[in-house]
N, C-alpha and C. Protein backbone atom coordinates (compact mmCIF):
# COMPACT_ATOMS: atom_id res chain seq x y z
N MET A 1 121.98 180.42 109.73
CA MET A 1 121.94 181.83 109.37
C MET A 1 120.69 182.11 108.53
N VAL A 2 119.96 183.16 108.87
CA VAL A 2 118.74 183.54 108.17
C VAL A 2 119.09 184.33 106.92
N PRO A 3 118.45 183.99 105.76
CA PRO A 3 118.70 184.79 104.55
C PRO A 3 118.45 186.27 104.82
N ILE A 4 119.18 187.13 104.14
CA ILE A 4 119.16 188.57 104.43
C ILE A 4 117.76 189.17 104.34
N SER A 5 116.96 188.78 103.34
CA SER A 5 115.62 189.37 103.22
C SER A 5 114.75 188.99 104.41
N TYR A 6 114.83 187.74 104.85
CA TYR A 6 114.07 187.31 106.03
C TYR A 6 114.61 187.99 107.28
N GLY A 7 115.92 188.06 107.37
CA GLY A 7 116.54 188.70 108.53
C GLY A 7 116.12 190.15 108.67
N MET A 8 116.03 190.85 107.55
CA MET A 8 115.62 192.26 107.58
C MET A 8 114.15 192.37 108.00
N THR A 9 113.33 191.47 107.51
CA THR A 9 111.90 191.48 107.86
C THR A 9 111.70 191.19 109.34
N ILE A 10 112.40 190.19 109.83
CA ILE A 10 112.29 189.82 111.24
C ILE A 10 112.81 190.96 112.12
N GLY A 11 113.91 191.57 111.72
CA GLY A 11 114.44 192.71 112.47
C GLY A 11 113.46 193.87 112.49
N HIS A 12 112.81 194.10 111.37
CA HIS A 12 111.82 195.18 111.29
C HIS A 12 110.64 194.90 112.23
N ILE A 13 110.15 193.67 112.22
CA ILE A 13 109.03 193.30 113.10
C ILE A 13 109.44 193.43 114.56
N ALA A 14 110.62 192.97 114.90
CA ALA A 14 111.12 193.08 116.28
C ALA A 14 111.20 194.54 116.69
N GLY A 15 111.64 195.40 115.78
CA GLY A 15 111.71 196.83 116.06
C GLY A 15 110.33 197.44 116.27
N LEU A 16 109.38 197.04 115.45
CA LEU A 16 108.01 197.55 115.59
C LEU A 16 107.41 197.16 116.93
N LEU A 17 107.70 195.94 117.37
CA LEU A 17 107.14 195.45 118.63
C LEU A 17 107.69 196.19 119.84
N LYS A 18 108.75 196.95 119.66
CA LYS A 18 109.30 197.75 120.77
C LYS A 18 108.59 199.10 120.91
N GLU A 19 107.81 199.46 119.89
CA GLU A 19 107.10 200.73 119.94
C GLU A 19 105.95 200.65 120.93
N LEU A 20 105.66 201.77 121.57
CA LEU A 20 104.66 201.84 122.62
C LEU A 20 103.29 201.31 122.16
N GLU A 21 102.88 201.66 120.95
CA GLU A 21 101.57 201.24 120.45
C GLU A 21 101.45 199.73 120.27
N LEU A 22 102.56 199.04 120.11
CA LEU A 22 102.54 197.60 119.85
C LEU A 22 103.06 196.76 121.01
N LYS A 23 103.33 197.37 122.13
CA LYS A 23 103.87 196.64 123.28
C LYS A 23 102.94 195.52 123.75
N ASN A 24 101.63 195.68 123.57
CA ASN A 24 100.68 194.69 124.05
C ASN A 24 100.38 193.56 123.07
N VAL A 25 101.03 193.58 121.91
CA VAL A 25 100.84 192.49 120.94
C VAL A 25 101.40 191.22 121.56
N SER A 26 100.57 190.18 121.62
CA SER A 26 101.00 188.95 122.27
C SER A 26 101.17 187.78 121.31
N THR A 27 100.66 187.92 120.08
CA THR A 27 100.69 186.81 119.13
C THR A 27 101.13 187.29 117.76
N ILE A 28 102.01 186.53 117.13
CA ILE A 28 102.48 186.80 115.77
C ILE A 28 102.00 185.64 114.90
N LEU A 29 101.41 185.94 113.74
CA LEU A 29 100.90 184.92 112.82
C LEU A 29 101.77 184.90 111.57
N LEU A 30 102.38 183.76 111.29
CA LEU A 30 103.17 183.57 110.08
C LEU A 30 102.35 182.74 109.10
N VAL A 31 102.24 183.20 107.86
CA VAL A 31 101.44 182.48 106.88
C VAL A 31 102.21 182.27 105.59
N GLY A 32 101.76 181.30 104.82
CA GLY A 32 102.30 181.06 103.49
C GLY A 32 103.76 180.64 103.49
N GLY A 33 104.44 180.97 102.40
CA GLY A 33 105.83 180.57 102.23
C GLY A 33 106.73 181.10 103.32
N PHE A 34 106.47 182.32 103.77
CA PHE A 34 107.27 182.92 104.84
C PHE A 34 107.13 182.08 106.11
N GLY A 35 105.92 181.71 106.43
CA GLY A 35 105.67 180.96 107.65
C GLY A 35 106.10 179.51 107.59
N GLU A 36 106.20 178.95 106.41
CA GLU A 36 106.57 177.54 106.27
C GLU A 36 108.04 177.28 106.54
N CYS A 37 108.86 178.26 106.38
CA CYS A 37 110.31 178.10 106.52
C CYS A 37 110.69 177.92 108.00
N LYS A 38 111.21 176.76 108.35
CA LYS A 38 111.59 176.46 109.74
C LYS A 38 112.65 177.44 110.25
N LEU A 39 113.54 177.83 109.38
CA LEU A 39 114.59 178.78 109.75
C LEU A 39 113.98 180.11 110.16
N VAL A 40 113.01 180.56 109.39
CA VAL A 40 112.33 181.82 109.70
C VAL A 40 111.51 181.68 110.98
N GLN A 41 110.85 180.55 111.15
CA GLN A 41 110.05 180.32 112.36
C GLN A 41 110.92 180.45 113.61
N GLU A 42 112.05 179.79 113.60
CA GLU A 42 112.94 179.82 114.76
C GLU A 42 113.51 181.22 115.00
N ALA A 43 113.89 181.89 113.92
CA ALA A 43 114.43 183.26 114.05
C ALA A 43 113.36 184.20 114.59
N MET A 44 112.12 184.03 114.13
CA MET A 44 111.03 184.88 114.59
C MET A 44 110.76 184.63 116.07
N LYS A 45 110.71 183.38 116.48
CA LYS A 45 110.47 183.04 117.88
C LYS A 45 111.54 183.67 118.78
N LYS A 46 112.77 183.61 118.31
CA LYS A 46 113.87 184.19 119.08
C LYS A 46 113.76 185.71 119.14
N ALA A 47 113.33 186.32 118.04
CA ALA A 47 113.28 187.79 117.96
C ALA A 47 112.13 188.41 118.74
N VAL A 48 111.01 187.67 118.89
CA VAL A 48 109.83 188.27 119.52
C VAL A 48 109.70 187.91 120.99
N GLY A 49 110.66 187.19 121.53
CA GLY A 49 110.66 186.91 122.96
C GLY A 49 109.54 186.01 123.42
N ARG A 50 108.80 186.45 124.42
CA ARG A 50 107.77 185.62 125.03
C ARG A 50 106.46 185.59 124.25
N ARG A 51 106.38 186.29 123.17
CA ARG A 51 105.14 186.30 122.39
C ARG A 51 104.91 184.95 121.72
N THR A 52 103.65 184.64 121.48
CA THR A 52 103.28 183.39 120.81
C THR A 52 103.44 183.57 119.30
N VAL A 53 104.05 182.57 118.65
CA VAL A 53 104.18 182.58 117.19
C VAL A 53 103.35 181.42 116.66
N ILE A 54 102.37 181.75 115.82
CA ILE A 54 101.50 180.74 115.21
C ILE A 54 101.85 180.63 113.75
N VAL A 55 102.00 179.41 113.27
CA VAL A 55 102.32 179.16 111.87
C VAL A 55 101.08 178.59 111.20
N SER A 56 100.66 179.20 110.10
CA SER A 56 99.44 178.74 109.42
C SER A 56 99.71 178.61 107.93
N VAL A 57 99.46 177.42 107.40
CA VAL A 57 99.54 177.22 105.96
C VAL A 57 98.14 177.10 105.37
N VAL A 58 97.12 177.17 106.22
CA VAL A 58 95.74 177.06 105.75
C VAL A 58 95.40 178.19 104.80
N LEU A 59 95.86 179.40 105.10
CA LEU A 59 95.59 180.54 104.23
C LEU A 59 96.13 180.30 102.83
N LYS A 60 97.32 179.74 102.75
CA LYS A 60 97.93 179.46 101.45
C LYS A 60 97.05 178.48 100.66
N GLU A 61 96.58 177.44 101.34
CA GLU A 61 95.72 176.45 100.69
C GLU A 61 94.40 177.08 100.24
N ALA A 62 93.86 177.99 101.02
CA ALA A 62 92.61 178.66 100.66
C ALA A 62 92.79 179.50 99.40
N VAL A 63 93.92 180.18 99.31
CA VAL A 63 94.20 180.99 98.12
C VAL A 63 94.38 180.09 96.90
N MET A 64 95.10 178.99 97.07
CA MET A 64 95.28 178.04 95.96
C MET A 64 93.92 177.51 95.49
N PHE A 65 93.05 177.18 96.44
CA PHE A 65 91.73 176.65 96.11
C PHE A 65 90.90 177.68 95.36
N SER A 66 91.01 178.95 95.75
CA SER A 66 90.22 179.99 95.08
C SER A 66 90.65 180.17 93.63
N HIS A 67 91.91 179.90 93.33
CA HIS A 67 92.41 180.04 91.96
C HIS A 67 92.22 178.77 91.14
N GLN A 68 92.29 177.62 91.81
CA GLN A 68 92.14 176.33 91.12
C GLN A 68 91.28 175.39 91.97
N PRO A 69 89.95 175.55 91.91
CA PRO A 69 89.07 174.74 92.76
C PRO A 69 89.21 173.24 92.54
N ARG A 70 89.60 172.82 91.37
CA ARG A 70 89.73 171.38 91.09
C ARG A 70 91.01 170.79 91.67
N LEU A 71 91.87 171.65 92.18
CA LEU A 71 93.12 171.21 92.78
C LEU A 71 92.87 170.31 93.99
N ILE A 72 91.81 170.61 94.73
CA ILE A 72 91.46 169.82 95.91
C ILE A 72 90.22 169.01 95.56
N SER A 73 90.36 167.69 95.56
CA SER A 73 89.25 166.84 95.13
C SER A 73 88.28 166.53 96.26
N SER A 74 88.75 166.54 97.50
CA SER A 74 87.85 166.31 98.63
C SER A 74 88.46 166.91 99.88
N ARG A 75 87.59 167.14 100.86
CA ARG A 75 88.03 167.68 102.14
C ARG A 75 87.54 166.74 103.23
N ARG A 76 88.38 166.50 104.19
CA ARG A 76 88.01 165.64 105.32
C ARG A 76 88.38 166.35 106.60
N LEU A 77 87.39 166.92 107.23
CA LEU A 77 87.62 167.64 108.48
C LEU A 77 86.86 166.97 109.60
N LYS A 78 87.48 166.85 110.74
CA LYS A 78 86.78 166.33 111.89
C LYS A 78 85.75 167.35 112.34
N TYR A 79 86.12 168.63 112.28
CA TYR A 79 85.21 169.72 112.65
C TYR A 79 85.25 170.78 111.56
N ALA A 80 84.12 171.42 111.32
CA ALA A 80 84.06 172.51 110.35
C ALA A 80 83.66 173.78 111.08
N TYR A 81 84.28 174.87 110.71
CA TYR A 81 83.98 176.16 111.31
C TYR A 81 83.41 177.07 110.27
N GLY A 82 82.40 177.82 110.64
CA GLY A 82 81.85 178.78 109.70
C GLY A 82 80.51 178.39 109.16
């Protein structure tokens, strides 16, 4: 069972996606604490049908780094973008 606040948010998003202006939305991006919750991920996937759901915690890490740069002592990326 999805907590009520998440359930209301997911229901709201599902309702918005039924509107004519948003019918062509094909991808949903979940970020941060909301996106990390497996329960929310599964409920969102079920609610949005065939649309792609992408989960990203990179944004959360970027915000943490901007507030506390010493929090991350090194970065190891196979590829860098930007």
